[in-house]
């Protein structure tokens, strides 16, 4: 889904009343054609771009430890696994050249691609692959970095061959081998990451920028751009000023009003964010430990109204923790599980002991305008059933530490992604014992379904169980599900090649000047 938003221009005057506000990269490298690049008024060379992003990458640059979707979105350009995703949703070999699967579907034998280098110039060998997988599967200090890799019984190297044996078949296992292959023994991934991707890390200035350069030793098709600077701008107004002044060339996740204002000088590309946006509820905190209260909020929140008011109609309503790009797992009918019904919502609150409603706080990261806009509409909708909601804006780092890691919140509006193309990645987080179960969902039936899903080796059977898990989340109103946000990307005219993926990433390897 990619189209120019010509019609948005007509909406600016109508929406402006309702919506409130979603480093220097100079270089002396020759451009891709071997000619000396010209220096423009912004200080950038002719073959580099500046990308505006709304969050600092302050959780970890180590791809095995990063938890923020925004960090993984950017660092997708730096790292690769044995396999990698395509824009069409397929998996193709990357660091691996090819693989074979045993007849009993428990042993994967990978032959590594010749000539793959790390960004530090060292060749990738089988030992690096074994190290990377074992690092993510290690459970000696608690939950492994990638819980799904607990199924790995052994991983061994023999020359250019890596053999991975599972304790049982796993229809999703290959998707987890998109995990980044890192150099064994290198201990600075947090601050100076080294991968095998088309761009290499140059520098990071906290709260300011992150700079990548094209990796000329890349094994595959080289990136077109010499250099990309990710400029951190947590204020929507400063993003607009920077775009209009020419200081920034590309910004994803734009608001519809912003996009309309840029239509003369930018191409506005439309995809989907591949996020589950919801009003996430802390199920362990009163009053949200009562299913009747959670269901009341579901009946009070009109998701289509949110999409129409805050996003000019762009967005796809959802009813559980799955978004449409996942195809066979997505259940469209769940979006209509809670048809807006204010009287039913009020009755549920009364039954739960809140006949006059209650007060609550919605914690929202201040750098994500789409989530702020969503929360503002929700506040008005909840007021209709006597619930007084107050928006608490916090910095992104605070949200990660207090809400996501610390679970110190009542409710929050954010979008949750899948780090790889598996249903498990979206649904495992709500298992009661999961380390990333930040909403404290605790449902014995859900836990049992998850165990059934990961031990079901038939694809159709596993898909059916995952759909039961989605049904469980909807029936028990684990959260107030809203939408998969539309992704409006402003691309300066003269740039082309942007591609959308079915996961939350921003691939700049194909972006180029016309």
Protein backbone atom coordinates (compact mmCIF):
# COMPACT_ATOMS: atom_id res chain seq x y z
CA UNK A 1 0.00 0.00 0.00
CA UNK A 2 1.88 3.04 -1.23
CA UNK A 3 0.16 6.07 -2.56
CA UNK A 4 0.55 9.81 -2.58
CA UNK A 5 -1.74 11.62 -0.19
CA UNK A 6 -3.02 14.31 -2.51
CA UNK A 7 -6.35 14.42 -0.70
CA UNK A 8 -4.71 15.38 2.56
CA UNK A 9 -4.36 18.99 1.47
CA UNK A 10 -8.11 19.35 1.72
CA UNK A 11 -8.08 18.16 5.30
CA UNK A 12 -5.60 20.58 6.84
CA UNK A 13 -8.03 23.36 7.70
CA UNK A 14 -10.59 20.91 9.05
CA UNK A 15 -8.19 19.02 11.26
CA UNK A 16 -6.01 21.80 12.59
CA UNK A 17 -8.73 22.71 15.10
CA UNK A 18 -8.85 19.21 16.53
CA UNK A 19 -5.26 18.02 16.44
CA UNK A 20 -2.49 19.41 18.52
CA UNK A 21 1.00 18.91 17.70
CA UNK A 22 3.94 13.03 15.68
CA UNK A 23 24.16 16.73 13.32
CA UNK A 24 26.07 17.93 10.89
CA UNK A 25 26.79 15.08 8.48
CA UNK A 26 29.51 16.53 6.25
CA UNK A 27 32.05 14.13 4.78
CA UNK A 28 34.90 14.21 2.30
CA UNK A 29 34.27 10.79 0.80
CA UNK A 30 33.74 10.63 -2.97
CA UNK A 31 30.19 9.93 -4.09
CA UNK A 32 29.08 6.60 -5.50
CA UNK A 33 29.99 7.62 -9.06
CA UNK A 34 33.56 8.50 -8.09
CA UNK A 35 33.09 12.26 -8.46
CA UNK A 36 33.84 14.67 -5.64
CA UNK A 37 30.51 15.51 -3.96
CA UNK A 38 29.23 19.04 -3.85
CA UNK A 39 28.58 20.70 -0.51
CA UNK A 40 25.15 22.28 -0.18
CA UNK A 41 23.90 25.04 2.09
CA UNK A 42 23.01 22.52 4.80
CA UNK A 43 26.57 21.24 5.00
CA UNK A 44 25.65 17.85 3.57
CA UNK A 45 27.38 16.24 0.63
CA UNK A 46 25.47 15.42 -2.53
CA UNK A 47 25.22 11.73 -1.68
CA UNK A 48 24.07 11.71 1.91
CA UNK A 49 20.81 12.33 3.70
CA UNK A 50 19.59 13.31 7.14
CA UNK A 51 16.71 11.31 8.61
CA UNK A 52 14.65 12.76 11.43
CA UNK A 53 13.72 10.35 14.23
CA UNK A 54 11.60 10.99 17.30
CA UNK A 55 13.60 9.05 19.88
CA UNK A 56 17.16 8.78 21.11
CA UNK A 57 18.67 5.31 20.81
CA UNK A 58 19.45 5.11 24.49
CA UNK A 59 18.43 1.59 25.51
CA UNK A 60 21.33 -0.30 23.89
CA UNK A 61 22.88 -0.42 20.44
CA UNK A 62 23.62 -4.10 21.02
CA UNK A 63 21.03 -5.80 18.77
CA UNK A 64 20.61 -8.72 21.16
CA UNK A 65 19.77 -6.40 24.06
CA UNK A 66 17.83 -3.57 22.42
CA UNK A 67 14.16 -3.49 23.42
CA UNK A 68 12.92 -0.24 21.86
CA UNK A 69 11.26 -0.61 18.47
CA UNK A 70 12.83 2.71 17.41
CA UNK A 71 16.33 1.39 18.09
CA UNK A 72 15.74 -1.80 16.14
CA UNK A 73 14.15 0.20 13.34
CA UNK A 74 17.39 2.16 12.77
CA UNK A 75 19.93 -0.57 13.50
CA UNK A 76 18.28 -2.85 10.94
CA UNK A 77 20.69 -1.15 8.53
CA UNK A 78 23.74 -2.31 10.50
CA UNK A 79 23.05 -5.95 11.37
CA UNK A 80 22.14 -9.16 9.60
CA UNK A 81 21.49 -12.75 10.62
CA UNK A 82 21.88 -16.08 8.90
CA UNK A 83 18.56 -15.14 7.31
CA UNK A 84 16.96 -11.77 6.61
CA UNK A 85 13.43 -10.59 5.80
CA UNK A 86 12.32 -9.15 2.48
CA UNK A 87 9.71 -6.44 1.86
CA UNK A 88 7.38 -9.20 0.66
CA UNK A 89 7.57 -10.98 4.00
CA UNK A 90 9.82 -13.82 2.85
CA UNK A 91 13.01 -15.02 4.52
CA UNK A 92 16.15 -15.32 2.41
CA UNK A 93 19.73 -16.32 3.28
CA UNK A 94 22.06 -13.49 4.32
CA UNK A 95 25.19 -14.44 6.27
CA UNK A 96 24.26 -17.98 5.30
CA UNK A 97 24.47 -19.00 1.66
CA UNK A 98 21.94 -21.81 2.00
CA UNK A 99 20.64 -24.35 4.51
CA UNK A 100 19.24 -27.87 4.70
CA UNK A 101 16.59 -29.20 7.07
CA UNK A 102 16.61 -32.79 8.29
CA UNK A 103 13.71 -35.10 7.58
CA UNK A 104 12.55 -34.99 11.19
CA UNK A 105 12.68 -31.15 11.03
CA UNK A 106 14.92 -30.79 14.07
CA UNK A 107 18.34 -30.19 12.49
CA UNK A 108 19.28 -27.16 10.39
CA UNK A 109 22.60 -27.25 8.56
CA UNK A 110 23.77 -23.84 7.34
CA UNK A 111 26.59 -23.27 4.89
CA UNK A 112 28.03 -19.79 5.37
CA UNK A 113 28.32 -17.35 2.51
CA UNK A 114 31.87 -16.75 1.31
CA UNK A 115 33.36 -13.29 1.69
CA UNK A 116 31.10 -11.90 4.42
CA UNK A 117 32.96 -9.36 6.55
CA UNK A 118 32.26 -7.56 9.77
CA UNK A 119 32.50 -3.79 9.68
CA UNK A 120 35.87 -4.00 11.45
CA UNK A 121 37.28 -5.88 8.45
CA UNK A 122 37.36 -9.29 10.12
CA UNK A 123 35.84 -12.21 8.17
CA UNK A 124 32.75 -13.91 9.54
CA UNK A 125 33.39 -17.51 10.49
CA UNK A 126 31.31 -20.32 11.93
CA UNK A 127 32.58 -19.58 15.43
CA UNK A 128 30.95 -16.14 15.30
CA UNK A 129 27.63 -17.73 14.37
CA UNK A 130 27.84 -20.27 17.18
CA UNK A 131 28.74 -17.49 19.63
CA UNK A 132 25.81 -15.29 18.52
CA UNK A 133 23.24 -18.06 18.82
CA UNK A 134 24.55 -19.37 22.13
CA UNK A 135 24.62 -15.83 23.53
CA UNK A 136 20.91 -15.36 22.75
CA UNK A 137 19.98 -18.86 23.98
CA UNK A 138 21.89 -18.68 27.26
CA UNK A 139 19.54 -19.01 30.23
CA UNK A 140 22.17 -19.30 32.96
CA UNK A 141 21.20 -15.90 34.38
CA UNK A 142 17.44 -16.20 33.91
CA UNK A 143 15.32 -15.80 30.78
CA UNK A 144 17.44 -15.98 27.60
CA UNK A 145 17.80 -12.90 25.40
CA UNK A 146 15.66 -14.71 22.81
CA UNK A 147 13.32 -17.08 24.68
CA UNK A 148 12.43 -19.00 21.52
CA UNK A 149 16.03 -20.18 21.27
CA UNK A 150 15.58 -22.26 24.41
CA UNK A 151 14.56 -24.95 21.92
CA UNK A 152 18.19 -25.17 20.71
CA UNK A 153 19.69 -28.43 21.92
CA UNK A 154 23.10 -27.86 20.35
CA UNK A 155 24.88 -25.60 17.87
CA UNK A 156 28.21 -26.71 16.40
CA UNK A 157 30.68 -25.50 13.79
CA UNK A 158 32.64 -27.46 11.22
CA UNK A 159 34.59 -25.33 8.76
CA UNK A 160 32.07 -23.13 6.96
CA UNK A 161 29.13 -25.18 8.24
CA UNK A 162 26.96 -24.55 11.30
CA UNK A 163 24.59 -27.23 12.56
CA UNK A 164 21.72 -26.33 14.86
CA UNK A 165 19.75 -29.12 16.51
CA UNK A 166 16.42 -28.47 18.22
CA UNK A 167 14.84 -30.54 20.97
CA UNK A 168 11.68 -30.67 18.86
CA UNK A 169 10.43 -29.32 15.51
CA UNK A 170 9.54 -25.64 15.42
CA UNK A 171 7.72 -24.17 12.43
CA UNK A 172 8.80 -20.63 13.36
CA UNK A 173 12.44 -21.29 14.18
CA UNK A 174 13.88 -20.01 10.92
CA UNK A 175 12.43 -16.54 11.60
CA UNK A 176 14.49 -16.31 14.78
CA UNK A 177 17.67 -16.77 12.79
CA UNK A 178 17.34 -13.17 11.62
CA UNK A 179 19.10 -12.42 14.93
CA UNK A 180 22.30 -10.46 14.32
CA UNK A 181 25.56 -12.31 13.81
CA UNK A 182 28.19 -10.56 15.91
CA UNK A 183 31.98 -10.99 16.17
CA UNK A 184 32.97 -13.35 18.96
CA UNK A 185 35.00 -11.68 21.69
CA UNK A 186 34.02 -8.13 20.79
CA UNK A 187 32.65 -6.42 23.91
CA UNK A 188 31.67 -2.92 22.79
CA UNK A 189 28.40 -3.61 20.97
CA UNK A 190 26.52 -1.35 23.42
CA UNK A 191 28.38 1.77 22.31
CA UNK A 192 30.30 0.94 19.11
CA UNK A 193 28.31 -1.78 17.34
CA UNK A 194 29.85 -3.98 14.65
CA UNK A 195 27.70 -5.98 12.25
CA UNK A 196 27.67 -7.18 8.65
CA UNK A 197 24.94 -4.99 7.13
CA UNK A 198 25.08 -2.50 4.24
CA UNK A 199 25.80 0.41 6.61
CA UNK A 200 28.40 0.63 9.37
CA UNK A 201 28.22 2.58 12.59
CA UNK A 202 30.31 5.76 12.74
CA UNK A 203 29.26 7.66 15.85
CA UNK A 204 26.49 8.49 18.25
CA UNK A 205 25.96 11.77 20.10
CA UNK A 206 23.42 11.29 22.90
CA UNK A 207 20.21 13.28 22.40
CA UNK A 208 21.57 14.54 19.07
CA UNK A 209 22.38 12.08 16.31
CA UNK A 210 23.60 8.72 15.10
CA UNK A 211 25.71 8.49 11.95
CA UNK A 212 26.09 5.54 9.58
CA UNK A 213 28.24 5.17 6.48
CA UNK A 214 28.00 2.79 3.56
CA UNK A 215 30.03 -0.36 4.19
CA UNK A 216 32.11 -0.85 1.05
CA UNK A 217 33.00 -4.41 2.07
CA UNK A 218 29.36 -5.49 2.10
CA UNK A 219 28.81 -8.92 0.53
CA UNK A 220 25.56 -7.96 -1.24
CA UNK A 221 24.25 -5.09 -3.31
CA UNK A 222 25.91 -1.98 -1.83
CA UNK A 223 23.91 0.89 -0.40
CA UNK A 224 23.53 3.86 -2.73
CA UNK A 225 24.08 6.56 -0.12
CA UNK A 226 27.52 7.31 1.27
CA UNK A 227 26.27 8.48 4.62
CA UNK A 228 23.09 8.72 6.69
CA UNK A 229 22.68 10.94 9.73
CA UNK A 230 19.77 10.15 12.04
CA UNK A 231 18.88 13.42 13.71
CA UNK A 232 17.03 13.10 17.01
CA UNK A 233 14.14 15.56 17.19
CA UNK A 234 11.59 14.79 19.85
CA UNK A 235 9.44 17.83 19.08
CA UNK A 236 6.98 17.68 16.19
CA UNK A 237 7.36 21.38 15.44
CA UNK A 238 11.14 21.15 15.11
CA UNK A 239 10.73 18.20 12.73
CA UNK A 240 8.52 20.30 10.47
CA UNK A 241 10.90 23.27 10.54
CA UNK A 242 13.85 21.01 9.73
CA UNK A 243 12.02 19.39 6.82
CA UNK A 244 10.91 22.70 5.38
CA UNK A 245 14.37 24.28 5.73
CA UNK A 246 16.11 21.41 3.96
CA UNK A 247 18.04 20.26 7.02
CA UNK A 248 16.19 16.94 7.05
CA UNK A 249 15.39 14.82 4.00
CA UNK A 250 13.25 11.96 5.28
CA UNK A 251 10.96 11.42 8.25
CA UNK A 252 8.77 8.40 8.90
CA UNK A 253 5.66 8.19 11.11
CA UNK A 254 4.36 11.63 10.16
CA UNK A 255 0.99 12.94 11.26
CA UNK A 256 -1.58 13.37 8.49
CA UNK A 257 -1.77 17.15 8.92
CA UNK A 258 2.02 17.43 8.83
CA UNK A 259 2.15 15.26 5.72
CA UNK A 260 -0.40 17.44 3.95
CA UNK A 261 1.63 20.56 4.66
CA UNK A 262 4.69 18.99 3.01
CA UNK A 263 3.04 17.70 -0.16
CA UNK A 264 4.52 20.40 -2.41
CA UNK A 265 8.16 19.65 -1.65
CA UNK A 266 8.04 16.04 -0.48
CA UNK A 267 6.70 12.77 -1.75
CA UNK A 268 4.46 11.31 0.93
CA UNK A 269 4.70 7.53 0.87
CA UNK A 270 2.15 5.42 2.71
CA UNK A 271 2.70 2.06 4.33
CA UNK A 272 1.82 0.62 7.71
CA UNK A 273 3.85 0.85 10.90
CA UNK A 274 3.32 -2.83 11.72
CA UNK A 275 2.60 -2.02 15.34
CA UNK A 276 -0.16 -2.99 17.73
CA UNK A 277 -1.28 0.39 19.05
CA UNK A 278 -3.42 0.11 22.16
CA UNK A 279 -4.28 1.65 25.46
CA UNK A 280 -2.17 -0.85 27.40
CA UNK A 281 -3.53 -1.53 30.89
CA UNK A 282 -1.59 -2.65 33.94
CA UNK A 283 -3.68 -5.68 34.83
CA UNK A 284 -2.12 -5.84 38.30
CA UNK A 285 -3.16 -2.29 39.27
CA UNK A 286 -6.60 -1.26 40.48
CA UNK A 287 -9.06 -0.76 38.93
CA UNK A 288 -7.68 -2.64 35.92
CA UNK A 289 -7.34 -5.90 37.83
CA UNK A 290 -11.11 -6.23 37.30
CA UNK A 291 -12.11 -7.58 33.89
CA UNK A 292 -15.37 -5.61 34.02
CA UNK A 293 -13.47 -2.34 34.20
CA UNK A 294 -11.22 -3.32 31.30
CA UNK A 295 -14.23 -4.36 29.25
CA UNK A 296 -16.01 -1.11 30.10
CA UNK A 297 -13.11 0.84 28.64
CA UNK A 298 -13.22 -1.32 25.52
CA UNK A 299 -16.90 -0.47 25.03
CA UNK A 300 -16.24 3.25 25.67
CA UNK A 301 -13.34 3.66 23.24
CA UNK A 302 -14.38 4.11 19.61
CA UNK A 303 -11.31 3.12 17.60
CA UNK A 304 -12.70 4.24 14.24
CA UNK A 305 -13.46 7.65 15.74
CA UNK A 306 -9.82 7.86 16.88
CA UNK A 307 -8.62 6.96 13.39
CA UNK A 308 -10.94 9.51 11.78
CA UNK A 309 -10.19 12.39 14.14
CA UNK A 310 -6.51 11.93 14.88
CA UNK A 311 -5.34 10.28 11.65
CA UNK A 312 -7.63 11.57 8.88
CA UNK A 313 -9.02 8.07 8.43
CA UNK A 314 -5.62 6.43 7.88
CA UNK A 315 -5.09 3.31 9.99
CA UNK A 316 -6.44 -0.23 10.31
CA UNK A 317 -8.64 -1.09 13.33
CA UNK A 318 -7.53 -4.13 15.30
CA UNK A 319 -9.04 -6.06 18.18
CA UNK A 320 -6.12 -8.01 19.62
CA UNK A 321 -2.33 -8.23 19.59
CA UNK A 322 -1.87 -8.91 15.89
CA UNK A 323 -1.69 -6.62 12.88
CA UNK A 324 -2.81 -7.29 9.28
CA UNK A 325 0.66 -7.87 7.77
CA UNK A 326 0.77 -11.20 9.63
CA UNK A 327 -1.84 -12.52 7.23
CA UNK A 328 -2.96 -15.95 8.37
CA UNK A 329 -2.79 -15.06 12.07
CA UNK A 330 -4.77 -11.83 11.83
CA UNK A 331 -8.44 -12.08 12.78
CA UNK A 332 -10.38 -9.16 11.32
CA UNK A 333 -13.53 -10.03 13.26
CA UNK A 334 -11.91 -9.22 16.61
CA UNK A 335 -11.86 -5.53 15.70
CA UNK A 336 -15.64 -5.58 16.21
CA UNK A 337 -15.66 -7.52 19.48
CA UNK A 338 -16.44 -4.35 21.42
CA UNK A 339 -18.80 -2.20 19.39
CA UNK A 340 -18.99 1.22 21.08
CA UNK A 341 -21.76 1.06 23.69
CA UNK A 342 -21.67 3.72 26.41
CA UNK A 343 -24.61 2.33 28.36
CA UNK A 344 -23.05 -1.11 28.52
CA UNK A 345 -19.77 0.46 29.62
CA UNK A 346 -21.49 2.36 32.43
CA UNK A 347 -23.30 -0.78 33.59
CA UNK A 348 -20.05 -2.73 33.73
CA UNK A 349 -18.43 0.02 35.79
CA UNK A 350 -21.40 0.03 38.16
CA UNK A 351 -21.21 -3.77 38.50
CA UNK A 352 -17.51 -3.42 39.32
CA UNK A 353 -18.24 -0.89 42.08
CA UNK A 354 -17.55 2.30 40.15
CA UNK A 355 -21.04 3.73 39.44
CA UNK A 356 -19.59 7.25 39.29
CA UNK A 357 -16.50 6.28 37.35
CA UNK A 358 -12.94 6.84 38.58
CA UNK A 359 -9.76 8.75 37.78
CA UNK A 360 -6.81 7.28 35.89
CA UNK A 361 -3.51 8.27 34.35
CA UNK A 362 -2.42 7.56 30.77
CA UNK A 363 1.38 7.68 30.57
CA UNK A 364 2.56 8.56 27.06
CA UNK A 365 6.10 9.02 25.71
CA UNK A 366 6.35 12.71 24.83
CA UNK A 367 8.31 12.12 21.61
CA UNK A 368 5.58 10.10 19.85
CA UNK A 369 2.95 12.53 18.59
CA UNK A 370 0.64 9.81 17.14
CA UNK A 371 0.30 8.26 20.59
CA UNK A 372 -0.29 11.64 22.20
CA UNK A 373 -3.00 12.42 19.64
CA UNK A 374 -4.60 9.03 20.31
CA UNK A 375 -4.55 9.56 24.07
CA UNK A 376 -6.22 12.95 23.73
CA UNK A 377 -9.18 11.46 21.87
CA UNK A 378 -9.39 8.62 24.41
CA UNK A 379 -9.59 11.14 27.26
CA UNK A 380 -12.68 12.68 25.67
CA UNK A 381 -14.28 9.32 24.98
CA UNK A 382 -13.76 8.01 28.52
CA UNK A 383 -15.27 11.17 29.97
CA UNK A 384 -18.59 10.05 28.51
CA UNK A 385 -18.74 7.16 30.99
CA UNK A 386 -17.54 9.19 33.97
CA UNK A 387 -13.88 8.18 33.80
CA UNK A 388 -11.50 11.11 34.25
CA UNK A 389 -8.26 10.35 32.43
CA UNK A 390 -5.17 12.53 32.74
CA UNK A 391 -2.32 12.33 30.25
CA UNK A 392 1.14 12.16 31.79
CA UNK A 393 3.87 12.91 29.26
CA UNK A 394 7.28 11.39 30.00
CA UNK A 395 10.58 11.26 28.17
CA UNK A 396 11.28 8.12 26.17
CA UNK A 397 14.05 6.96 28.51
CA UNK A 398 11.72 7.36 31.47
CA UNK A 399 8.99 5.39 29.70
CA UNK A 400 11.43 2.52 29.06
CA UNK A 401 12.69 2.43 32.65
CA UNK A 402 9.51 3.14 34.59
CA UNK A 403 6.70 1.79 32.42
CA UNK A 404 8.23 -0.98 30.30
CA UNK A 405 10.88 -2.30 32.67
CA UNK A 406 9.53 -1.11 36.03
CA UNK A 407 5.81 -1.66 35.31
CA UNK A 408 5.02 1.43 37.36
CA UNK A 409 1.99 2.77 35.52
CA UNK A 410 -1.78 2.50 35.25
CA UNK A 411 -2.17 2.74 31.50
CA UNK A 412 -0.14 3.82 28.51
CA UNK A 413 -0.64 4.42 24.79
CA UNK A 414 2.16 2.98 22.67
CA UNK A 415 2.69 0.63 19.77
CA UNK A 416 4.20 -2.83 20.26
CA UNK A 417 6.12 -4.50 17.45
CA UNK A 418 7.34 -7.97 16.52
CA UNK A 419 11.13 -8.04 16.27
CA UNK A 420 10.84 -10.78 13.67
CA UNK A 421 8.09 -12.14 11.49
CA UNK A 422 6.52 -14.54 13.97
CA UNK A 423 3.24 -14.61 15.83
CA UNK A 424 5.16 -15.86 18.85
CA UNK A 425 7.11 -12.60 19.05
CA UNK A 426 3.87 -10.66 19.53
CA UNK A 427 2.04 -13.10 21.80
CA UNK A 428 4.72 -14.55 24.08
CA UNK A 429 5.01 -11.23 25.94
CA UNK A 430 1.62 -11.81 27.59
CA UNK A 431 2.57 -15.15 29.16
CA UNK A 432 2.46 -14.61 32.92
CA UNK A 433 6.15 -15.42 33.43
CA UNK A 434 7.50 -13.46 30.45
CA UNK A 435 10.10 -10.86 31.35
CA UNK A 436 8.59 -8.39 28.87
CA UNK A 437 4.99 -8.85 30.07
CA UNK A 438 4.83 -5.20 31.07
CA UNK A 439 1.01 -5.20 31.49
CA UNK A 440 1.19 -8.05 34.06
CA UNK A 441 -1.34 -10.17 32.18
CA UNK A 442 -1.92 -13.34 34.20
CA UNK A 443 -4.27 -15.88 32.66
CA UNK A 444 -3.82 -19.61 33.13
CA UNK A 445 -5.75 -20.48 29.96
CA UNK A 446 -3.52 -18.15 27.94
CA UNK A 447 -0.36 -19.70 29.39
CA UNK A 448 -1.65 -23.18 28.54
CA UNK A 449 -2.47 -22.14 24.97
CA UNK A 450 1.04 -20.75 24.53
CA UNK A 451 2.59 -24.03 25.65
CA UNK A 452 0.32 -25.82 23.19
CA UNK A 453 1.31 -23.43 20.38
CA UNK A 454 5.05 -23.90 20.78
CA UNK A 455 4.71 -27.68 20.90
CA UNK A 456 2.44 -27.91 17.86
CA UNK A 457 4.47 -28.79 14.78
CA UNK A 458 1.72 -28.61 12.20
CA UNK A 459 1.50 -25.11 10.74
CA UNK A 460 -2.29 -25.08 10.44
CA UNK A 461 -2.69 -26.43 13.96
CA UNK A 462 -0.29 -23.90 15.40
CA UNK A 463 -2.02 -21.05 13.58
CA UNK A 464 -5.35 -22.15 15.07
CA UNK A 465 -3.89 -22.07 18.60
CA UNK A 466 -2.40 -18.63 18.09
CA UNK A 467 -5.83 -17.42 17.01
CA UNK A 468 -7.26 -18.83 20.25
CA UNK A 469 -4.66 -16.78 22.12
CA UNK A 470 -5.80 -13.66 20.29
CA UNK A 471 -9.39 -14.52 21.20
CA UNK A 472 -8.33 -14.88 24.84
CA UNK A 473 -6.72 -11.42 24.89
CA UNK A 474 -9.82 -9.87 23.33
CA UNK A 475 -12.35 -11.71 25.52
CA UNK A 476 -10.51 -10.78 28.70
CA UNK A 477 -9.91 -7.20 27.53
CA UNK A 478 -6.21 -7.45 28.31
CA UNK A 479 -5.84 -4.04 26.65
CA UNK A 480 -7.97 -1.57 24.72
CA UNK A 481 -6.82 -2.37 21.19
CA UNK A 482 -6.96 0.43 18.65
CA UNK A 483 -5.11 0.14 15.35
CA UNK A 484 -2.14 -0.65 13.18
CA UNK A 485 -1.06 2.89 12.43
CA UNK A 486 -0.59 4.08 8.89
CA UNK A 487 3.03 5.02 8.23
CA UNK A 488 3.24 8.30 6.35
CA UNK A 489 6.82 8.94 5.29
CA UNK A 490 7.98 12.31 3.99
CA UNK A 491 10.69 11.79 1.36
CA UNK A 492 12.32 14.83 -0.21
CA UNK A 493 11.62 15.02 -3.93
CA UNK A 494 14.62 13.73 -5.82
CA UNK A 495 15.02 10.75 -3.50
CA UNK A 496 13.60 7.38 -4.43
CA UNK A 497 13.81 3.69 -3.52
CA UNK A 498 12.08 3.57 -0.12
CA UNK A 499 10.62 0.13 0.61
CA UNK A 500 8.15 -0.96 3.29
CA UNK A 501 8.47 -4.19 5.26
CA UNK A 502 5.91 -6.23 7.21
CA UNK A 503 7.93 -5.49 10.36
CA UNK A 504 8.89 -2.21 12.01
CA UNK A 505 12.13 -1.30 10.21
CA UNK A 506 13.47 1.54 8.07
CA UNK A 507 15.69 0.12 5.32
CA UNK A 508 17.83 2.84 3.74
CA UNK A 509 20.01 0.58 1.61
CA UNK A 510 17.86 1.14 -1.49
CA UNK A 511 17.19 4.85 -0.97
CA UNK A 512 19.01 6.95 -3.57
CA UNK A 513 18.99 10.19 -5.49
CA UNK A 514 17.23 10.04 -8.83
